[in-house]
Amino acid sequence: MARIRRKTFVAREDLLNRMSELAKDRGYTLYDMVNEIFEFAIKAYLDGATLFKALEALEELNAIRKAGFTPCMERLWYEMAEIAFREAKDEALKCWFEAGAWLAKLYETSGRHDPLGELMKDLKRFTWKASEFDVKRGESGVSVRILNPRFTENYAMMMAALLEGALEAFGYKVTGREVGSGSIRLEFARKDGDGQR
């Protein structure tokens, strides 16, 4: 077996100390830990990413899992949604509405600082192909605009139902609705007429 040569490099002392602690916690030597990080960084760069982009992707997958979402092939997801809508439109819309309400309650009881903002942020992240996912909040209410060329009219109606269920659970009611192929525009006002949550 060929002998692996070592090379010395310079790093900030506080980072090396922290890295040494992490290595010890995992039963690694500092040498093993640093080499593993270098290998991961090199692989990320060779795959056309950066270490930070790779970590962002990992964080996104973890957020999807924690929020109760399941990754699925995009084409399959849209086709199954179309079948559900065609076969049982009212039931499909009800399911999506209830899923939105459930999500809102999940975010509201999770101790998040801004549950509505966090939910909208996650939905935006999970709607990967949306060219626009804009949420505006003001004292009088909330407006949501989504543009996604992959949304069929039926899928857009189900996504709108999910958003309506979520916003209703947060204490809003729909005051304006335009839903069509590739586009969702919803306006909400507080049910009690007060400012936003």
C-alpha atoms as a PDB file:
ATOM      1  CA  MET A   1       0.000   0.000   0.000  1.00  0.00           C
ATOM      2  CA  ALA A   2       1.388   3.393  -0.981  1.00  0.00           C
ATOM      3  CA  ARG A   3       2.295   5.709   1.853  1.00  0.00           C
ATOM      4  CA  ILE A   4      -0.025   8.751   2.082  1.00  0.00           C
ATOM      5  CA  ARG A   5       1.940  11.937   2.415  1.00  0.00           C
ATOM      6  CA  ARG A   6       0.785  14.637   4.795  1.00  0.00           C
ATOM      7  CA  LYS A   7       0.849  18.384   4.319  1.00  0.00           C
ATOM      8  CA  THR A   8       0.493  21.097   6.929  1.00  0.00           C
ATOM      9  CA  PHE A   9      -1.990  23.935   6.505  1.00  0.00           C
ATOM     10  CA  VAL A  10      -2.924  26.936   8.624  1.00  0.00           C
ATOM     11  CA  ALA A  11      -6.413  27.555  10.043  1.00  0.00           C
ATOM     12  CA  ARG A  12      -7.931  29.785  12.700  1.00  0.00           C
ATOM     13  CA  GLU A  13      -7.251  28.457  16.197  1.00  0.00           C
ATOM     14  CA  ASP A  14     -10.887  28.752  17.354  1.00  0.00           C
ATOM     15  CA  LEU A  15     -12.086  26.710  14.354  1.00  0.00           C
ATOM     16  CA  LEU A  16      -9.445  24.021  14.882  1.00  0.00           C
ATOM     17  CA  ASN A  17     -10.307  23.815  18.583  1.00  0.00           C
ATOM     18  CA  ARG A  18     -14.016  23.421  17.788  1.00  0.00           C
ATOM     19  CA  MET A  19     -13.219  20.882  15.059  1.00  0.00           C
ATOM     20  CA  SER A  20     -11.079  18.933  17.518  1.00  0.00           C
ATOM     21  CA  GLU A  21     -13.993  18.826  20.004  1.00  0.00           C
ATOM     22  CA  LEU A  22     -16.403  17.619  17.306  1.00  0.00           C
ATOM     23  CA  ALA A  23     -13.935  14.970  16.168  1.00  0.00           C
ATOM     24  CA  LYS A  24     -13.491  13.728  19.726  1.00  0.00           C
ATOM     25  CA  ASP A  25     -17.293  13.557  20.223  1.00  0.00           C
ATOM     26  CA  ARG A  26     -17.559  11.333  17.142  1.00  0.00           C
ATOM     27  CA  GLY A  27     -14.574   9.161  17.978  1.00  0.00           C
ATOM     28  CA  TYR A  28     -12.467  10.614  15.142  1.00  0.00           C
ATOM     29  CA  THR A  29      -9.003  12.025  15.157  1.00  0.00           C
ATOM     30  CA  LEU A  30      -8.693  15.631  14.031  1.00  0.00           C
ATOM     31  CA  TYR A  31      -6.757  14.323  11.022  1.00  0.00           C
ATOM     32  CA  ASP A  32      -9.661  12.024  10.012  1.00  0.00           C
ATOM     33  CA  MET A  33     -12.259  14.749  10.515  1.00  0.00           C
ATOM     34  CA  VAL A  34     -10.399  17.356   8.463  1.00  0.00           C
ATOM     35  CA  ASN A  35      -9.783  14.860   5.636  1.00  0.00           C
ATOM     36  CA  GLU A  36     -13.457  13.868   5.585  1.00  0.00           C
ATOM     37  CA  ILE A  37     -14.435  17.547   5.286  1.00  0.00           C
ATOM     38  CA  PHE A  38     -11.919  18.080   2.479  1.00  0.00           C
ATOM     39  CA  GLU A  39     -13.276  15.038   0.620  1.00  0.00           C
ATOM     40  CA  PHE A  40     -16.847  16.307   0.975  1.00  0.00           C
ATOM     41  CA  ALA A  41     -15.884  19.816  -0.181  1.00  0.00           C
ATOM     42  CA  ILE A  42     -13.985  18.463  -3.199  1.00  0.00           C
ATOM     43  CA  LYS A  43     -16.927  16.231  -4.182  1.00  0.00           C
ATOM     44  CA  ALA A  44     -19.335  19.178  -3.885  1.00  0.00           C
ATOM     45  CA  TYR A  45     -17.150  21.387  -6.092  1.00  0.00           C
ATOM     46  CA  LEU A  46     -16.678  18.593  -8.675  1.00  0.00           C
ATOM     47  CA  ASP A  47     -20.482  18.195  -8.771  1.00  0.00           C
ATOM     48  CA  GLY A  48     -20.782  21.900  -9.610  1.00  0.00           C
ATOM     49  CA  ALA A  49     -21.834  23.051  -6.144  1.00  0.00           C
ATOM     50  CA  THR A  50     -20.118  24.627  -3.183  1.00  0.00           C
ATOM     51  CA  LEU A  51     -19.915  23.303   0.352  1.00  0.00           C
ATOM     52  CA  PHE A  52     -22.496  25.907   1.417  1.00  0.00           C
ATOM     53  CA  LYS A  53     -24.884  24.928  -1.413  1.00  0.00           C
ATOM     54  CA  ALA A  54     -24.566  21.270  -0.409  1.00  0.00           C
ATOM     55  CA  LEU A  55     -25.345  22.155   3.210  1.00  0.00           C
ATOM     56  CA  GLU A  56     -28.318  24.290   2.083  1.00  0.00           C
ATOM     57  CA  ALA A  57     -29.692  21.304   0.150  1.00  0.00           C
ATOM     58  CA  LEU A  58     -29.281  19.094   3.225  1.00  0.00           C
ATOM     59  CA  GLU A  59     -31.027  21.674   5.412  1.00  0.00           C
ATOM     60  CA  GLU A  60     -33.864  21.868   2.890  1.00  0.00           C
ATOM     61  CA  LEU A  61     -34.342  18.095   2.923  1.00  0.00           C
ATOM     62  CA  ASN A  62     -34.327  18.107   6.729  1.00  0.00           C
ATOM     63  CA  ALA A  63     -36.884  20.931   6.769  1.00  0.00           C
ATOM     64  CA  ILE A  64     -39.102  18.970   4.353  1.00  0.00           C
ATOM     65  CA  ARG A  65     -38.949  15.908   6.594  1.00  0.00           C
ATOM     66  CA  LYS A  66     -39.589  17.854   9.826  1.00  0.00           C
ATOM     67  CA  ALA A  67     -42.566  19.670   8.300  1.00  0.00           C
ATOM     68  CA  GLY A  68     -44.214  16.369   7.425  1.00  0.00           C
ATOM     69  CA  PHE A  69     -43.592  16.511   3.671  1.00  0.00           C
ATOM     70  CA  THR A  70     -42.375  13.557   1.619  1.00  0.00           C
ATOM     71  CA  PRO A  71     -40.090  14.021  -1.395  1.00  0.00           C
ATOM     72  CA  CYS A  72     -41.702  12.586  -4.520  1.00  0.00           C
ATOM     73  CA  MET A  73     -40.982  12.496  -8.251  1.00  0.00           C
ATOM     74  CA  GLU A  74     -42.461  15.718  -9.603  1.00  0.00           C
ATOM     75  CA  ARG A  75     -44.160  14.210 -12.646  1.00  0.00           C
ATOM     76  CA  LEU A  76     -45.712  11.421 -10.550  1.00  0.00           C
ATOM     77  CA  TRP A  77     -46.935  13.935  -7.977  1.00  0.00           C
ATOM     78  CA  TYR A  78     -48.719  16.073 -10.568  1.00  0.00           C
ATOM     79  CA  GLU A  79     -50.220  13.052 -12.358  1.00  0.00           C
ATOM     80  CA  MET A  80     -51.555  11.549  -9.109  1.00  0.00           C
ATOM     81  CA  ALA A  81     -53.016  14.913  -8.127  1.00  0.00           C
ATOM     82  CA  GLU A  82     -54.740  15.138 -11.534  1.00  0.00           C
ATOM     83  CA  ILE A  83     -56.222  11.655 -11.137  1.00  0.00           C
ATOM     84  CA  ALA A  84     -57.478  12.462  -7.637  1.00  0.00           C
ATOM     85  CA  PHE A  85     -59.035  15.717  -8.827  1.00  0.00           C
ATOM     86  CA  ARG A  86     -60.762  14.116 -11.831  1.00  0.00           C
ATOM     87  CA  GLU A  87     -62.071  11.138  -9.866  1.00  0.00           C
ATOM     88  CA  ALA A  88     -63.187  12.934  -6.682  1.00  0.00           C
ATOM     89  CA  LYS A  89     -62.912  16.716  -7.074  1.00  0.00           C
ATOM     90  CA  ASP A  90     -64.778  17.707  -3.896  1.00  0.00           C
ATOM     91  CA  GLU A  91     -62.987  15.146  -1.758  1.00  0.00           C
ATOM     92  CA  ALA A  92     -59.581  16.119  -3.191  1.00  0.00           C
ATOM     93  CA  LEU A  93     -60.186  19.824  -2.496  1.00  0.00           C
ATOM     94  CA  LYS A  94     -61.360  18.988   1.028  1.00  0.00           C
ATOM     95  CA  CYS A  95     -58.231  16.881   1.670  1.00  0.00           C
ATOM     96  CA  TRP A  96     -55.933  19.680   0.485  1.00  0.00           C
ATOM     97  CA  PHE A  97     -57.835  22.267   2.551  1.00  0.00           C
ATOM     98  CA  GLU A  98     -57.586  20.071   5.663  1.00  0.00           C
ATOM     99  CA  ALA A  99     -53.881  19.449   5.000  1.00  0.00           C
ATOM    100  CA  GLY A 100     -53.344  23.226   4.927  1.00  0.00           C
ATOM    101  CA  ALA A 101     -55.193  23.637   8.238  1.00  0.00           C
ATOM    102  CA  TRP A 102     -53.159  20.793   9.752  1.00  0.00           C
ATOM    103  CA  LEU A 103     -49.909  22.387   8.563  1.00  0.00           C
ATOM    104  CA  ALA A 104     -50.889  25.722  10.088  1.00  0.00           C
ATOM    105  CA  LYS A 105     -51.617  24.063  13.435  1.00  0.00           C
ATOM    106  CA  LEU A 106     -48.322  22.162  13.251  1.00  0.00           C
ATOM    107  CA  TYR A 107     -46.383  25.390  12.692  1.00  0.00           C
ATOM    108  CA  GLU A 108     -48.412  27.306  15.284  1.00  0.00           C
ATOM    109  CA  THR A 109     -47.767  24.741  18.032  1.00  0.00           C
ATOM    110  CA  SER A 110     -44.086  24.209  17.193  1.00  0.00           C
ATOM    111  CA  GLY A 111     -42.876  27.235  19.141  1.00  0.00           C
ATOM    112  CA  ARG A 112     -41.832  29.130  16.018  1.00  0.00           C
ATOM    113  CA  HIS A 113     -41.463  32.889  16.332  1.00  0.00           C
ATOM    114  CA  ASP A 114     -43.562  33.599  13.220  1.00  0.00           C
ATOM    115  CA  PRO A 115     -45.546  30.449  12.327  1.00  0.00           C
ATOM    116  CA  LEU A 116     -47.361  31.942   9.325  1.00  0.00           C
ATOM    117  CA  GLY A 117     -44.155  33.427   7.907  1.00  0.00           C
ATOM    118  CA  GLU A 118     -42.245  30.173   8.479  1.00  0.00           C
ATOM    119  CA  LEU A 119     -44.949  28.092   6.796  1.00  0.00           C
ATOM    120  CA  MET A 120     -45.041  30.383   3.769  1.00  0.00           C
ATOM    121  CA  LYS A 121     -41.240  30.345   3.591  1.00  0.00           C
ATOM    122  CA  ASP A 122     -41.201  26.534   3.647  1.00  0.00           C
ATOM    123  CA  LEU A 123     -43.979  26.247   1.050  1.00  0.00           C
ATOM    124  CA  LYS A 124     -41.985  28.589  -1.169  1.00  0.00           C
ATOM    125  CA  ARG A 125     -38.873  26.427  -0.725  1.00  0.00           C
ATOM    126  CA  PHE A 126     -40.805  23.235  -1.444  1.00  0.00           C
ATOM    127  CA  THR A 127     -42.460  24.639  -4.581  1.00  0.00           C
ATOM    128  CA  TRP A 128     -39.117  24.425  -6.382  1.00  0.00           C
ATOM    129  CA  LYS A 129     -40.193  25.297  -9.899  1.00  0.00           C
ATOM    130  CA  ALA A 130     -42.278  28.350  -8.987  1.00  0.00           C
ATOM    131  CA  SER A 131     -41.010  31.370 -10.898  1.00  0.00           C
ATOM    132  CA  GLU A 132     -42.815  33.504  -8.336  1.00  0.00           C
ATOM    133  CA  PHE A 133     -44.052  32.756  -4.818  1.00  0.00           C
ATOM    134  CA  ASP A 134     -44.870  36.106  -3.290  1.00  0.00           C
ATOM    135  CA  VAL A 135     -46.496  36.585   0.110  1.00  0.00           C
ATOM    136  CA  LYS A 136     -47.356  40.103   1.290  1.00  0.00           C
ATOM    137  CA  ARG A 137     -48.558  40.735   4.810  1.00  0.00           C
ATOM    138  CA  GLY A 138     -50.085  43.929   6.031  1.00  0.00           C
ATOM    139  CA  GLU A 139     -52.362  45.175   8.777  1.00  0.00           C
ATOM    140  CA  SER A 140     -55.461  44.414   6.740  1.00  0.00           C
ATOM    141  CA  GLY A 141     -54.490  40.919   5.621  1.00  0.00           C
ATOM    142  CA  VAL A 142     -52.340  38.683   3.471  1.00  0.00           C
ATOM    143  CA  SER A 143     -51.972  38.290  -0.281  1.00  0.00           C
ATOM    144  CA  VAL A 144     -50.379  35.263  -1.954  1.00  0.00           C
ATOM    145  CA  ARG A 145     -49.311  35.045  -5.578  1.00  0.00           C
ATOM    146  CA  ILE A 146     -47.766  31.931  -7.108  1.00  0.00           C
ATOM    147  CA  LEU A 147     -46.682  31.511 -10.716  1.00  0.00           C
ATOM    148  CA  ASN A 148     -45.612  28.032 -11.751  1.00  0.00           C
ATOM    149  CA  PRO A 149     -45.888  26.927 -15.374  1.00  0.00           C
ATOM    150  CA  ARG A 150     -46.092  23.274 -14.246  1.00  0.00           C
ATOM    151  CA  PHE A 151     -49.368  23.841 -12.357  1.00  0.00           C
ATOM    152  CA  THR A 152     -52.368  22.572 -14.288  1.00  0.00           C
ATOM    153  CA  GLU A 153     -55.628  24.334 -13.500  1.00  0.00           C
ATOM    154  CA  ASN A 154     -56.726  21.390 -11.348  1.00  0.00           C
ATOM    155  CA  TYR A 155     -53.444  21.309  -9.426  1.00  0.00           C
ATOM    156  CA  ALA A 156     -53.579  25.083  -8.928  1.00  0.00           C
ATOM    157  CA  MET A 157     -57.075  24.691  -7.443  1.00  0.00           C
ATOM    158  CA  MET A 158     -55.807  22.078  -4.982  1.00  0.00           C
ATOM    159  CA  MET A 159     -52.795  24.192  -4.014  1.00  0.00           C
ATOM    160  CA  ALA A 160     -55.122  27.162  -3.499  1.00  0.00           C
ATOM    161  CA  ALA A 161     -57.287  24.973  -1.234  1.00  0.00           C
ATOM    162  CA  LEU A 162     -54.197  24.094   0.836  1.00  0.00           C
ATOM    163  CA  LEU A 163     -53.322  27.774   1.215  1.00  0.00           C
ATOM    164  CA  GLU A 164     -56.911  28.652   2.110  1.00  0.00           C
ATOM    165  CA  GLY A 165     -56.971  25.916   4.775  1.00  0.00           C
ATOM    166  CA  ALA A 166     -53.710  27.171   6.256  1.00  0.00           C
ATOM    167  CA  LEU A 167     -54.704  30.835   6.281  1.00  0.00           C
ATOM    168  CA  GLU A 168     -58.145  30.064   7.695  1.00  0.00           C
ATOM    169  CA  ALA A 169     -56.477  28.160  10.552  1.00  0.00           C
ATOM    170  CA  PHE A 170     -54.355  31.266  11.175  1.00  0.00           C
ATOM    171  CA  GLY A 171     -57.538  33.353  11.481  1.00  0.00           C
ATOM    172  CA  TYR A 172     -57.980  34.713   7.939  1.00  0.00           C
ATOM    173  CA  LYS A 173     -60.793  34.460   5.397  1.00  0.00           C
ATOM    174  CA  VAL A 174     -60.559  34.531   1.608  1.00  0.00           C
ATOM    175  CA  THR A 175     -61.651  37.848   0.099  1.00  0.00           C
ATOM    176  CA  GLY A 176     -60.260  37.433  -3.409  1.00  0.00           C
ATOM    177  CA  ARG A 177     -59.449  34.411  -5.530  1.00  0.00           C
ATOM    178  CA  GLU A 178     -58.042  33.977  -9.057  1.00  0.00           C
ATOM    179  CA  VAL A 179     -56.888  30.464  -9.843  1.00  0.00           C
ATOM    180  CA  GLY A 180     -55.941  29.133 -13.255  1.00  0.00           C
ATOM    181  CA  SER A 181     -53.369  27.073 -15.067  1.00  0.00           C
ATOM    182  CA  GLY A 182     -49.937  28.119 -13.749  1.00  0.00           C
ATOM    183  CA  SER A 183     -51.256  30.897 -11.526  1.00  0.00           C
ATOM    184  CA  ILE A 184     -52.719  31.388  -8.047  1.00  0.00           C
ATOM    185  CA  ARG A 185     -53.713  34.771  -6.589  1.00  0.00           C
ATOM    186  CA  LEU A 186     -55.389  34.846  -3.204  1.00  0.00           C
ATOM    187  CA  GLU A 187     -56.360  37.713  -0.915  1.00  0.00           C
ATOM    188  CA  PHE A 188     -57.115  37.167   2.766  1.00  0.00           C
ATOM    189  CA  ALA A 189     -58.458  39.442   5.523  1.00  0.00           C
ATOM    190  CA  ARG A 190     -58.429  38.871   9.264  1.00  0.00           C
ATOM    191  CA  LYS A 191     -61.681  37.269  10.410  1.00  0.00           C
ATOM    192  CA  ASP A 192     -61.854  39.554  13.427  1.00  0.00           C
ATOM    193  CA  GLY A 193     -60.906  42.662  11.423  1.00  0.00           C
ATOM    194  CA  ASP A 194     -57.816  43.298  13.569  1.00  0.00           C
ATOM    195  CA  GLY A 195     -54.219  43.505  12.377  1.00  0.00           C
ATOM    196  CA  GLN A 196     -52.147  40.516  11.344  1.00  0.00           C
ATOM    197  CA  ARG A 197     -50.858  37.816  13.639  1.00  0.00           C
END
